[in-house]
C-alpha atoms as a PDB file:
ATOM      1  CA  MET A   1     -77.410  88.863 -53.104  1.00  0.00           C
ATOM      2  CA  GLN A   2     -79.785  86.185 -51.883  1.00  0.00           C
ATOM      3  CA  LEU A   3     -78.360  83.681 -54.488  1.00  0.00           C
ATOM      4  CA  LEU A   4     -74.765  84.316 -53.282  1.00  0.00           C
ATOM      5  CA  LEU A   5     -75.923  84.124 -49.667  1.00  0.00           C
ATOM      6  CA  SER A   6     -77.659  80.754 -50.038  1.00  0.00           C
ATOM      7  CA  SER A   7     -75.216  79.064 -52.426  1.00  0.00           C
ATOM      8  CA  GLY A   8     -71.776  80.337 -51.251  1.00  0.00           C
ATOM      9  CA  LEU A   9     -70.654  81.020 -54.895  1.00  0.00           C
ATOM     10  CA  ARG A  10     -67.779  83.300 -55.409  1.00  0.00           C
ATOM     11  CA  ARG A  11     -68.243  86.591 -57.115  1.00  0.00           C
ATOM     12  CA  GLN A  12     -67.044  85.416 -60.459  1.00  0.00           C
ATOM     13  CA  GLU A  13     -68.885  82.040 -60.249  1.00  0.00           C
ATOM     14  CA  GLY A  14     -72.300  83.739 -59.508  1.00  0.00           C
ATOM     15  CA  GLY A  15     -71.578  86.801 -61.673  1.00  0.00           C
ATOM     16  CA  SER A  16     -70.972  84.713 -64.869  1.00  0.00           C
ATOM     17  CA  LEU A  17     -73.933  82.398 -64.755  1.00  0.00           C
ATOM     18  CA  LEU A  18     -75.991  81.910 -67.934  1.00  0.00           C
ATOM     19  CA  VAL A  19     -79.833  81.925 -67.866  1.00  0.00           C
ATOM     20  CA  PHE A  20     -79.901  78.132 -68.709  1.00  0.00           C
ATOM     21  CA  GLU A  21     -77.452  77.404 -65.775  1.00  0.00           C
ATOM     22  CA  LEU A  22     -79.978  78.415 -63.000  1.00  0.00           C
ATOM     23  CA  PRO A  23     -80.871  75.498 -60.873  1.00  0.00           C
ATOM     24  CA  ALA A  24     -83.938  73.688 -62.166  1.00  0.00           C
ATOM     25  CA  GLN A  25     -84.205  70.518 -60.166  1.00  0.00           C
ATOM     26  CA  ARG A  26     -85.475  70.778 -56.645  1.00  0.00           C
ATOM     27  CA  LEU A  27     -83.975  68.424 -53.977  1.00  0.00           C
ATOM     28  CA  ARG A  28     -86.515  65.817 -52.605  1.00  0.00           C
ATOM     29  CA  HIS A  29     -88.108  66.921 -49.312  1.00  0.00           C
ATOM     30  CA  GLY A  30     -85.942  70.064 -49.307  1.00  0.00           C
ATOM     31  CA  ARG A  31     -85.886  73.772 -49.721  1.00  0.00           C
ATOM     32  CA  TYR A  32     -82.865  73.671 -52.058  1.00  0.00           C
ATOM     33  CA  MET A  33     -82.117  73.294 -55.667  1.00  0.00           C
ATOM     34  CA  HIS A  34     -78.914  72.258 -57.331  1.00  0.00           C
ATOM     35  CA  GLY A  35     -77.050  73.462 -60.320  1.00  0.00           C
ATOM     36  CA  ARG A  36     -73.614  73.091 -61.957  1.00  0.00           C
ATOM     37  CA  ILE A  37     -70.755  75.541 -61.989  1.00  0.00           C
ATOM     38  CA  ALA A  38     -68.445  75.445 -64.910  1.00  0.00           C
ATOM     39  CA  GLY A  39     -64.846  74.681 -64.070  1.00  0.00           C
ATOM     40  CA  ALA A  40     -63.469  77.552 -66.181  1.00  0.00           C
ATOM     41  CA  VAL A  41     -65.070  80.238 -63.936  1.00  0.00           C
ATOM     42  CA  THR A  42     -63.907  78.624 -60.645  1.00  0.00           C
ATOM     43  CA  ARG A  43     -60.632  79.186 -58.809  1.00  0.00           C
ATOM     44  CA  SER A  44     -59.739  75.514 -58.882  1.00  0.00           C
ATOM     45  CA  LYS A  45     -60.785  75.121 -62.500  1.00  0.00           C
ATOM     46  CA  SER A  46     -62.928  72.218 -61.580  1.00  0.00           C
ATOM     47  CA  SER A  47     -66.676  71.961 -62.094  1.00  0.00           C
ATOM     48  CA  ARG A  48     -68.813  71.314 -59.045  1.00  0.00           C
ATOM     49  CA  THR A  49     -72.430  71.062 -58.015  1.00  0.00           C
ATOM     50  CA  TYR A  50     -73.782  74.072 -56.058  1.00  0.00           C
ATOM     51  CA  TYR A  51     -76.982  74.322 -54.009  1.00  0.00           C
ATOM     52  CA  ALA A  52     -79.244  77.351 -53.738  1.00  0.00           C
ATOM     53  CA  SER A  53     -82.454  77.923 -51.800  1.00  0.00           C
ATOM     54  CA  VAL A  54     -85.797  77.686 -53.615  1.00  0.00           C
ATOM     55  CA  ASP A  55     -86.515  81.286 -52.455  1.00  0.00           C
ATOM     56  CA  SER A  56     -83.355  82.764 -53.852  1.00  0.00           C
ATOM     57  CA  VAL A  57     -83.953  80.968 -57.210  1.00  0.00           C
ATOM     58  CA  GLY A  58     -87.458  82.359 -57.289  1.00  0.00           C
ATOM     59  CA  GLN A  59     -86.069  85.883 -56.721  1.00  0.00           C
ATOM     60  CA  VAL A  60     -83.663  85.483 -59.646  1.00  0.00           C
ATOM     61  CA  GLU A  61     -86.546  84.182 -61.861  1.00  0.00           C
ATOM     62  CA  ALA A  62     -88.633  87.262 -60.950  1.00  0.00           C
ATOM     63  CA  TYR A  63     -85.625  89.460 -61.897  1.00  0.00           C
ATOM     64  CA  VAL A  64     -85.486  87.599 -65.289  1.00  0.00           C
ATOM     65  CA  GLU A  65     -89.136  88.236 -65.997  1.00  0.00           C
ATOM     66  CA  SER A  66     -89.132  91.816 -64.923  1.00  0.00           C
ATOM     67  CA  GLU A  67     -86.070  94.102 -64.674  1.00  0.00           C
ATOM     68  CA  ARG A  68     -83.981  91.913 -67.070  1.00  0.00           C
ATOM     69  CA  ALA A  69     -86.723  91.669 -69.560  1.00  0.00           C
ATOM     70  CA  TRP A  70     -87.205  95.448 -69.531  1.00  0.00           C
ATOM     71  CA  VAL A  71     -83.503  96.237 -70.192  1.00  0.00           C
ATOM     72  CA  VAL A  72     -83.397  93.654 -72.930  1.00  0.00           C
ATOM     73  CA  GLN A  73     -86.365  95.196 -74.640  1.00  0.00           C
ATOM     74  CA  ARG A  74     -84.757  98.638 -74.517  1.00  0.00           C
ATOM     75  CA  ALA A  75     -81.419  97.270 -75.881  1.00  0.00           C
ATOM     76  CA  GLN A  76     -83.262  95.583 -78.811  1.00  0.00           C
ATOM     77  CA  GLU A  77     -85.180  98.757 -79.622  1.00  0.00           C
ATOM     78  CA  ALA A  78     -81.938 100.710 -79.617  1.00  0.00           C
ATOM     79  CA  GLY A  79     -80.242  98.149 -81.795  1.00  0.00           C
ATOM     80  CA  ARG A  80     -77.342  97.611 -79.351  1.00  0.00           C
ATOM     81  CA  TYR A  81     -77.018  93.897 -79.948  1.00  0.00           C
ATOM     82  CA  GLU A  82     -76.831  94.252 -83.773  1.00  0.00           C
ATOM     83  CA  ARG A  83     -73.691  96.505 -83.258  1.00  0.00           C
ATOM     84  CA  LEU A  84     -71.823  94.080 -81.153  1.00  0.00           C
ATOM     85  CA  PRO A  85     -68.452  92.863 -82.821  1.00  0.00           C
ATOM     86  CA  THR A  86     -69.280  89.256 -81.827  1.00  0.00           C
ATOM     87  CA  MET A  87     -72.561  87.359 -81.372  1.00  0.00           C
ATOM     88  CA  ARG A  88     -72.863  83.636 -80.991  1.00  0.00           C
ATOM     89  CA  LEU A  89     -76.572  82.483 -81.156  1.00  0.00           C
ATOM     90  CA  VAL A  90     -76.947  79.311 -79.108  1.00  0.00           C
ATOM     91  CA  THR A  91     -78.641  76.591 -81.155  1.00  0.00           C
ATOM     92  CA  GLY A  92     -78.498  73.867 -78.541  1.00  0.00           C
ATOM     93  CA  VAL A  93     -77.091  72.733 -75.129  1.00  0.00           C
ATOM     94  CA  THR A  94     -76.331  69.068 -74.771  1.00  0.00           C
ATOM     95  CA  HIS A  95     -76.806  67.201 -71.469  1.00  0.00           C
ATOM     96  CA  GLY A  96     -74.696  64.604 -69.719  1.00  0.00           C
ATOM     97  CA  LEU A  97     -71.441  64.544 -67.801  1.00  0.00           C
ATOM     98  CA  LYS A  98     -69.886  67.188 -70.140  1.00  0.00           C
ATOM     99  CA  PRO A  99     -72.551  69.501 -71.417  1.00  0.00           C
ATOM    100  CA  LYS A 100     -71.670  71.254 -74.702  1.00  0.00           C
ATOM    101  CA  VAL A 101     -73.140  74.527 -76.001  1.00  0.00           C
ATOM    102  CA  GLU A 102     -73.501  74.856 -79.740  1.00  0.00           C
ATOM    103  CA  TRP A 103     -73.913  78.074 -81.738  1.00  0.00           C
ATOM    104  CA  VAL A 104     -73.798  79.893 -84.996  1.00  0.00           C
ATOM    105  CA  ASP A 105     -72.105  83.245 -85.226  1.00  0.00           C
ATOM    106  CA  SER A 106     -73.138  86.382 -87.196  1.00  0.00           C
ATOM    107  CA  ASP A 107     -71.218  85.186 -90.175  1.00  0.00           C
ATOM    108  CA  GLY A 108     -73.135  81.817 -90.228  1.00  0.00           C
ATOM    109  CA  VAL A 109     -70.130  79.832 -88.917  1.00  0.00           C
ATOM    110  CA  VAL A 110     -71.081  76.923 -86.652  1.00  0.00           C
ATOM    111  CA  GLY A 111     -69.185  76.315 -83.561  1.00  0.00           C
ATOM    112  CA  GLY A 112     -69.358  74.703 -80.075  1.00  0.00           C
ATOM    113  CA  GLN A 113     -67.527  74.249 -76.851  1.00  0.00           C
ATOM    114  CA  GLU A 114     -67.761  72.390 -73.572  1.00  0.00           C
ATOM    115  CA  LEU A 115     -69.697  74.580 -71.153  1.00  0.00           C
ATOM    116  CA  SER A 116     -67.253  73.849 -68.371  1.00  0.00           C
ATOM    117  CA  ARG A 117     -64.288  75.215 -70.543  1.00  0.00           C
ATOM    118  CA  MET A 118     -65.830  78.552 -71.365  1.00  0.00           C
ATOM    119  CA  ASP A 119     -64.524  81.397 -69.241  1.00  0.00           C
ATOM    120  CA  TRP A 120     -66.483  84.418 -68.316  1.00  0.00           C
ATOM    121  CA  ARG A 121     -65.092  86.421 -71.195  1.00  0.00           C
ATOM    122  CA  GLU A 122     -66.291  83.903 -73.811  1.00  0.00           C
ATOM    123  CA  ARG A 123     -69.683  83.540 -72.107  1.00  0.00           C
ATOM    124  CA  GLN A 124     -70.445  87.224 -72.735  1.00  0.00           C
ATOM    125  CA  TRP A 125     -70.810  86.595 -76.474  1.00  0.00           C
ATOM    126  CA  LEU A 126     -73.383  83.837 -76.128  1.00  0.00           C
ATOM    127  CA  PHE A 127     -77.006  84.852 -77.153  1.00  0.00           C
ATOM    128  CA  ILE A 128     -80.320  83.002 -77.123  1.00  0.00           C
ATOM    129  CA  ASN A 129     -83.492  83.600 -79.038  1.00  0.00           C
ATOM    130  CA  GLY A 130     -85.899  85.455 -76.787  1.00  0.00           C
ATOM    131  CA  PRO A 131     -89.541  86.440 -77.392  1.00  0.00           C
ATOM    132  CA  GLU A 132     -88.574  89.645 -79.345  1.00  0.00           C
ATOM    133  CA  GLY A 133     -85.243  88.362 -80.901  1.00  0.00           C
ATOM    134  CA  PRO A 134     -81.717  87.572 -79.829  1.00  0.00           C
ATOM    135  CA  GLU A 135     -80.766  88.472 -76.203  1.00  0.00           C
ATOM    136  CA  PRO A 136     -77.735  87.700 -73.999  1.00  0.00           C
ATOM    137  CA  ALA A 137     -77.518  84.254 -72.428  1.00  0.00           C
ATOM    138  CA  TRP A 138     -75.544  86.098 -69.653  1.00  0.00           C
ATOM    139  CA  LEU A 139     -77.912  86.185 -66.595  1.00  0.00           C
ATOM    140  CA  TRP A 140     -76.915  89.633 -65.061  1.00  0.00           C
ATOM    141  CA  LEU A 141     -77.257  92.622 -67.306  1.00  0.00           C
ATOM    142  CA  THR A 142     -76.513  96.284 -67.041  1.00  0.00           C
ATOM    143  CA  GLU A 143     -78.962  98.990 -67.499  1.00  0.00           C
ATOM    144  CA  GLN A 144     -77.918  99.111 -71.154  1.00  0.00           C
ATOM    145  CA  GLY A 145     -78.918  95.412 -71.523  1.00  0.00           C
ATOM    146  CA  LEU A 146     -75.298  94.281 -71.859  1.00  0.00           C
ATOM    147  CA  PRO A 147     -73.481  91.607 -69.712  1.00  0.00           C
ATOM    148  CA  MET A 148     -72.315  93.016 -66.405  1.00  0.00           C
ATOM    149  CA  ALA A 149     -68.680  91.997 -65.765  1.00  0.00           C
ATOM    150  CA  PRO A 150     -68.288  89.981 -62.432  1.00  0.00           C
ATOM    151  CA  ASP A 151     -66.142  92.687 -60.810  1.00  0.00           C
ATOM    152  CA  ARG A 152     -68.908  95.302 -61.164  1.00  0.00           C
ATOM    153  CA  TRP A 153     -70.734  93.486 -58.361  1.00  0.00           C
ATOM    154  CA  ASN A 154     -68.409  95.281 -55.908  1.00  0.00           C
ATOM    155  CA  GLY A 155     -70.015  98.556 -56.924  1.00  0.00           C
ATOM    156  CA  VAL A 156     -73.516  97.168 -56.544  1.00  0.00           C
ATOM    157  CA  PHE A 157     -72.731  96.140 -52.985  1.00  0.00           C
ATOM    158  CA  ARG A 158     -71.054  99.512 -52.331  1.00  0.00           C
ATOM    159  CA  MET A 159     -74.153 101.405 -53.326  1.00  0.00           C
ATOM    160  CA  ALA A 160     -76.359  99.188 -51.202  1.00  0.00           C
ATOM    161  CA  ASN A 161     -74.078  99.833 -48.173  1.00  0.00           C
ATOM    162  CA  LEU A 162     -74.310 103.575 -48.786  1.00  0.00           C
ATOM    163  CA  ARG A 163     -78.170 103.386 -48.839  1.00  0.00           C
ATOM    164  CA  CYS A 164     -78.054 101.584 -45.560  1.00  0.00           C
ATOM    165  CA  GLU A 165     -75.856 104.270 -44.004  1.00  0.00           C
ATOM    166  CA  GLU A 166     -78.194 106.957 -45.323  1.00  0.00           C
ATOM    167  CA  THR A 167     -80.966 105.363 -43.367  1.00  0.00           C
ATOM    168  CA  LEU A 168     -79.245 104.168 -40.139  1.00  0.00           C
ATOM    169  CA  LEU A 169     -76.488 106.775 -39.486  1.00  0.00           C
ATOM    170  CA  THR A 170     -76.811 110.430 -38.573  1.00  0.00           C
ATOM    171  CA  GLU A 171     -75.401 113.083 -40.894  1.00  0.00           C
ATOM    172  CA  GLU A 172     -72.387 113.634 -38.629  1.00  0.00           C
ATOM    173  CA  GLU A 173     -71.632 109.978 -38.506  1.00  0.00           C
ATOM    174  CA  ARG A 174     -71.827 109.617 -42.188  1.00  0.00           C
ATOM    175  CA  LYS A 175     -69.118 112.388 -42.683  1.00  0.00           C
ATOM    176  CA  ILE A 176     -66.533 110.186 -40.932  1.00  0.00           C
ATOM    177  CA  ARG A 177     -64.771 107.725 -43.349  1.00  0.00           C
ATOM    178  CA  ARG A 178     -65.547 104.136 -42.515  1.00  0.00           C
ATOM    179  CA  GLN A 179     -62.016 103.241 -41.537  1.00  0.00           C
ATOM    180  CA  PHE A 180     -62.036 106.040 -38.999  1.00  0.00           C
ATOM    181  CA  ARG A 181     -65.460 105.291 -37.349  1.00  0.00           C
ATOM    182  CA  LEU A 182     -65.641 103.951 -33.894  1.00  0.00           C
ATOM    183  CA  ALA A 183     -66.780 100.400 -33.500  1.00  0.00           C
ATOM    184  CA  GLU A 184     -70.060 101.644 -31.893  1.00  0.00           C
ATOM    185  CA  VAL A 185     -70.869 103.645 -35.061  1.00  0.00           C
ATOM    186  CA  GLN A 186     -69.741 100.819 -37.462  1.00  0.00           C
ATOM    187  CA  GLY A 187     -72.138  98.435 -35.617  1.00  0.00           C
ATOM    188  CA  LYS A 188     -75.072 100.491 -36.388  1.00  0.00           C
ATOM    189  CA  THR A 189     -75.179  99.574 -40.013  1.00  0.00           C
ATOM    190  CA  PRO A 190     -74.762  96.323 -42.045  1.00  0.00           C
ATOM    191  CA  TYR A 191     -71.774  96.091 -44.317  1.00  0.00           C
ATOM    192  CA  MET A 192     -71.807  93.514 -47.142  1.00  0.00           C
ATOM    193  CA  THR A 193     -69.480  92.527 -49.938  1.00  0.00           C
ATOM    194  CA  PRO A 194     -69.901  89.664 -52.393  1.00  0.00           C
ATOM    195  CA  HIS A 195     -67.351  87.593 -50.586  1.00  0.00           C
ATOM    196  CA  SER A 196     -68.948  88.195 -47.093  1.00  0.00           C
ATOM    197  CA  CYS A 197     -71.974  86.378 -48.541  1.00  0.00           C
ATOM    198  CA  ARG A 198     -69.759  83.306 -48.881  1.00  0.00           C
ATOM    199  CA  HIS A 199     -68.669  83.764 -45.221  1.00  0.00           C
ATOM    200  CA  SER A 200     -72.276  84.009 -44.102  1.00  0.00           C
ATOM    201  CA  MET A 201     -73.186  80.858 -45.941  1.00  0.00           C
ATOM    202  CA  ALA A 202     -70.275  78.941 -44.510  1.00  0.00           C
ATOM    203  CA  LEU A 203     -71.131  80.064 -40.987  1.00  0.00           C
ATOM    204  CA  TYR A 204     -74.841  79.179 -41.430  1.00  0.00           C
ATOM    205  CA  MET A 205     -74.090  75.644 -42.891  1.00  0.00           C
ATOM    206  CA  LEU A 206     -71.609  74.833 -40.157  1.00  0.00           C
ATOM    207  CA  ILE A 207     -74.093  75.532 -37.389  1.00  0.00           C
ATOM    208  CA  LEU A 208     -76.961  73.948 -39.172  1.00  0.00           C
ATOM    209  CA  LEU A 209     -74.990  70.776 -39.776  1.00  0.00           C
ATOM    210  CA  ASN A 210     -73.851  70.610 -36.190  1.00  0.00           C
ATOM    211  CA  GLU A 211     -77.377  71.083 -35.034  1.00  0.00           C
ATOM    212  CA  LEU A 212     -78.611  68.263 -37.274  1.00  0.00           C
ATOM    213  CA  PHE A 213     -75.975  65.929 -36.114  1.00  0.00           C
ATOM    214  CA  GLU A 214     -76.439  66.643 -32.477  1.00  0.00           C
ATOM    215  CA  LYS A 215     -80.199  67.087 -32.167  1.00  0.00           C
ATOM    216  CA  ARG A 216     -82.142  65.593 -35.155  1.00  0.00           C
ATOM    217  CA  TYR A 217     -80.016  62.527 -35.579  1.00  0.00           C
ATOM    218  CA  GLY A 218     -79.250  62.116 -31.826  1.00  0.00           C
ATOM    219  CA  LEU A 219     -75.843  60.746 -32.699  1.00  0.00           C
ATOM    220  CA  THR A 220     -73.424  59.728 -29.939  1.00  0.00           C
ATOM    221  CA  LYS A 221     -69.710  60.444 -30.191  1.00  0.00           C
ATOM    222  CA  LYS A 222     -69.187  57.005 -31.629  1.00  0.00           C
ATOM    223  CA  ASP A 223     -71.990  57.414 -34.109  1.00  0.00           C
ATOM    224  CA  ARG A 224     -70.585  60.756 -35.160  1.00  0.00           C
ATOM    225  CA  ARG A 225     -67.186  59.132 -35.921  1.00  0.00           C
ATOM    226  CA  ASP A 226     -68.951  56.421 -37.959  1.00  0.00           C
ATOM    227  CA  PHE A 227     -71.061  58.961 -39.782  1.00  0.00           C
ATOM    228  CA  ALA A 228     -68.041  61.188 -40.486  1.00  0.00           C
ATOM    229  CA  LEU A 229     -66.159  58.218 -42.072  1.00  0.00           C
ATOM    230  CA  LEU A 230     -69.060  57.622 -44.442  1.00  0.00           C
ATOM    231  CA  PHE A 231     -70.209  61.138 -45.388  1.00  0.00           C
ATOM    232  CA  GLY A 232     -67.679  63.537 -43.734  1.00  0.00           C
ATOM    233  CA  ASP A 233     -67.902  65.756 -40.708  1.00  0.00           C
ATOM    234  CA  PRO A 234     -69.678  69.266 -40.849  1.00  0.00           C
ATOM    235  CA  TRP A 235     -66.314  70.932 -41.643  1.00  0.00           C
ATOM    236  CA  TRP A 236     -65.692  68.581 -44.582  1.00  0.00           C
ATOM    237  CA  LEU A 237     -69.195  69.042 -45.924  1.00  0.00           C
ATOM    238  CA  VAL A 238     -68.873  72.871 -45.758  1.00  0.00           C
ATOM    239  CA  LYS A 239     -65.573  72.618 -47.505  1.00  0.00           C
ATOM    240  CA  THR A 240     -67.235  70.618 -50.363  1.00  0.00           C
ATOM    241  CA  LEU A 241     -69.980  73.188 -50.644  1.00  0.00           C
ATOM    242  CA  LEU A 242     -67.513  76.135 -50.972  1.00  0.00           C
ATOM    243  CA  GLY A 243     -65.391  74.225 -53.468  1.00  0.00           C
ATOM    244  CA  HIS A 244     -62.186  74.167 -51.349  1.00  0.00           C
ATOM    245  CA  SER A 245     -59.532  71.486 -52.012  1.00  0.00           C
ATOM    246  CA  ASP A 246     -58.381  71.646 -48.373  1.00  0.00           C
ATOM    247  CA  VAL A 247     -60.619  71.705 -45.289  1.00  0.00           C
ATOM    248  CA  GLU A 248     -57.907  73.682 -43.479  1.00  0.00           C
ATOM    249  CA  THR A 249     -58.637  76.611 -45.839  1.00  0.00           C
ATOM    250  CA  THR A 250     -62.245  76.472 -44.706  1.00  0.00           C
ATOM    251  CA  LYS A 251     -61.335  76.465 -41.055  1.00  0.00           C
ATOM    252  CA  ARG A 252     -58.680  79.117 -41.250  1.00  0.00           C
ATOM    253  CA  HIS A 253     -60.209  81.787 -43.546  1.00  0.00           C
ATOM    254  CA  TYR A 254     -63.926  81.335 -43.713  1.00  0.00           C
ATOM    255  CA  LEU A 255     -65.062  80.433 -40.246  1.00  0.00           C
ATOM    256  CA  ALA A 256     -62.522  82.600 -38.208  1.00  0.00           C
ATOM    257  CA  PRO A 257     -65.323  84.496 -36.419  1.00  0.00           C
ATOM    258  CA  VAL A 258     -66.323  81.365 -34.565  1.00  0.00           C
ATOM    259  CA  ALA A 259     -63.139  79.411 -34.463  1.00  0.00           C
ATOM    260  CA  HIS A 260     -62.586  80.302 -30.798  1.00  0.00           C
ATOM    261  CA  LEU A 261     -66.021  79.315 -29.683  1.00  0.00           C
ATOM    262  CA  GLN A 262     -67.179  75.881 -28.429  1.00  0.00           C
ATOM    263  CA  LEU A 263     -69.865  75.300 -31.035  1.00  0.00           C
ATOM    264  CA  GLU A 264     -70.865  72.086 -29.381  1.00  0.00           C
ATOM    265  CA  SER A 265     -71.584  73.950 -26.149  1.00  0.00           C
ATOM    266  CA  ILE A 266     -73.595  76.644 -27.887  1.00  0.00           C
ATOM    267  CA  LEU A 267     -75.733  74.060 -29.589  1.00  0.00           C
ATOM    268  CA  ALA A 268     -76.178  72.096 -26.451  1.00  0.00           C
ATOM    269  CA  ALA A 269     -77.322  75.154 -24.689  1.00  0.00           C
ATOM    270  CA  ALA A 270     -79.747  75.749 -27.499  1.00  0.00           C
ATOM    271  CA  GLU A 271     -81.311  72.288 -27.041  1.00  0.00           C
ATOM    272  CA  THR A 272     -82.277  72.548 -23.355  1.00  0.00           C
ATOM    273  CA  THR A 273     -82.214  74.951 -20.557  1.00  0.00           C
ATOM    274  CA  ASN A 274     -82.054  74.341 -16.734  1.00  0.00           C
ATOM    275  CA  GLU A 275     -85.548  75.713 -16.298  1.00  0.00           C
ATOM    276  CA  GLY A 276     -86.967  73.344 -18.928  1.00  0.00           C
ATOM    277  CA  GLU A 277     -87.914  76.201 -21.253  1.00  0.00           C
ATOM    278  CA  ASP A 278     -88.635  75.832 -24.919  1.00  0.00           C
ATOM    279  CA  VAL A 279     -85.762  74.796 -27.135  1.00  0.00           C
ATOM    280  CA  GLU A 280     -83.995  77.839 -28.737  1.00  0.00           C
ATOM    281  CA  ASP A 281     -84.283  77.765 -32.475  1.00  0.00           C
ATOM    282  CA  LEU A 282     -81.470  78.497 -34.915  1.00  0.00           C
ATOM    283  CA  ASP A 283     -82.456  82.118 -35.129  1.00  0.00           C
ATOM    284  CA  GLY A 284     -81.671  82.393 -31.437  1.00  0.00           C
ATOM    285  CA  VAL A 285     -78.224  80.700 -31.909  1.00  0.00           C
ATOM    286  CA  PHE A 286     -77.235  83.205 -34.533  1.00  0.00           C
ATOM    287  CA  ALA A 287     -78.538  86.118 -32.609  1.00  0.00           C
ATOM    288  CA  ARG A 288     -76.401  85.061 -29.586  1.00  0.00           C
ATOM    289  CA  LEU A 289     -73.467  84.518 -31.799  1.00  0.00           C
ATOM    290  CA  ALA A 290     -73.716  88.119 -33.158  1.00  0.00           C
ATOM    291  CA  ARG A 291     -73.926  89.434 -29.580  1.00  0.00           C
ATOM    292  CA  GLU A 292     -70.852  87.486 -28.301  1.00  0.00           C
ATOM    293  CA  THR A 293     -68.636  87.366 -31.397  1.00  0.00           C
ATOM    294  CA  ALA A 294     -66.721  90.125 -33.228  1.00  0.00           C
ATOM    295  CA  GLY A 295     -67.098  89.941 -37.000  1.00  0.00           C
ATOM    296  CA  ILE A 296     -70.796  88.711 -37.100  1.00  0.00           C
ATOM    297  CA  GLN A 297     -73.673  91.013 -37.875  1.00  0.00           C
ATOM    298  CA  ASP A 298     -77.291  90.369 -36.891  1.00  0.00           C
ATOM    299  CA  ILE A 299     -79.215  92.155 -39.711  1.00  0.00           C
ATOM    300  CA  ASP A 300     -82.527  91.664 -37.938  1.00  0.00           C
ATOM    301  CA  LEU A 301     -81.212  93.480 -34.880  1.00  0.00           C
ATOM    302  CA  LEU A 302     -79.744  96.346 -36.963  1.00  0.00           C
ATOM    303  CA  LEU A 303     -82.975  96.833 -38.979  1.00  0.00           C
ATOM    304  CA  GLY A 304     -85.109  96.601 -35.863  1.00  0.00           C
ATOM    305  CA  ALA A 305     -83.400  99.543 -34.354  1.00  0.00           C
ATOM    306  CA  VAL A 306     -85.031 101.871 -36.978  1.00  0.00           C
ATOM    307  CA  SER A 307     -88.517 100.209 -37.297  1.00  0.00           C
END
């Protein structure tokens, strides 16, 4: 979840990553790393660069070395990979503008394809040489050690939501189906889907970029216009991160919870107070948005209620 939350990747984009597609290069003076999403798994069919936090990449690497390694070992011991109808053992991955993956199949036939042109179904048959033999190149695996289809992430999030309800709701409240619960009851527990991670990332980046423009750079209105002509305004930058072709899609669908708010006023209020108190940090801005706006959850507040 943390990878989707920090990168804004769609379910299919994040769910079809290969182990050698994880970001490996850290941005200079930053807490983010960048990788490349293959065009064949995107909605626009265009490759793009994506950014993920160092912490989220570290969590994925820990998964690879622990849980993933364990299910791979069990699958190898059970001979599951040997019984697959197709196996393409990767022999090399080229670099450059159009990376290409090269392989040899179980019949010894050599093949290859541009990585950006391989859809999620083709990617499931790619294998790499692991410490104990061939293992899937697919990053996310099931308990059987086989590639987990992207749409199964819905079930993963559903189970996580149910665990939260078990902890935060009473037995009587849990008996009521979610669509019939009062808003007061629904507000007691977080509710996440793969796509809501994308919404959260968009909201976070919009406010962060506005904060940087207004406070750190100290730009006047004229400076902001000049900066936007060179690099784009916050809306345009968030649109680029999400992989949208039209900035209006970003505004209309992904940032609706705050569309009615005057973000500049919020950020201005976060910078100074009439009493000369300390500047409110971003956490304070987000907490206030959650209190004042429908459709935004403050997870810290929800979990703090039971601690």
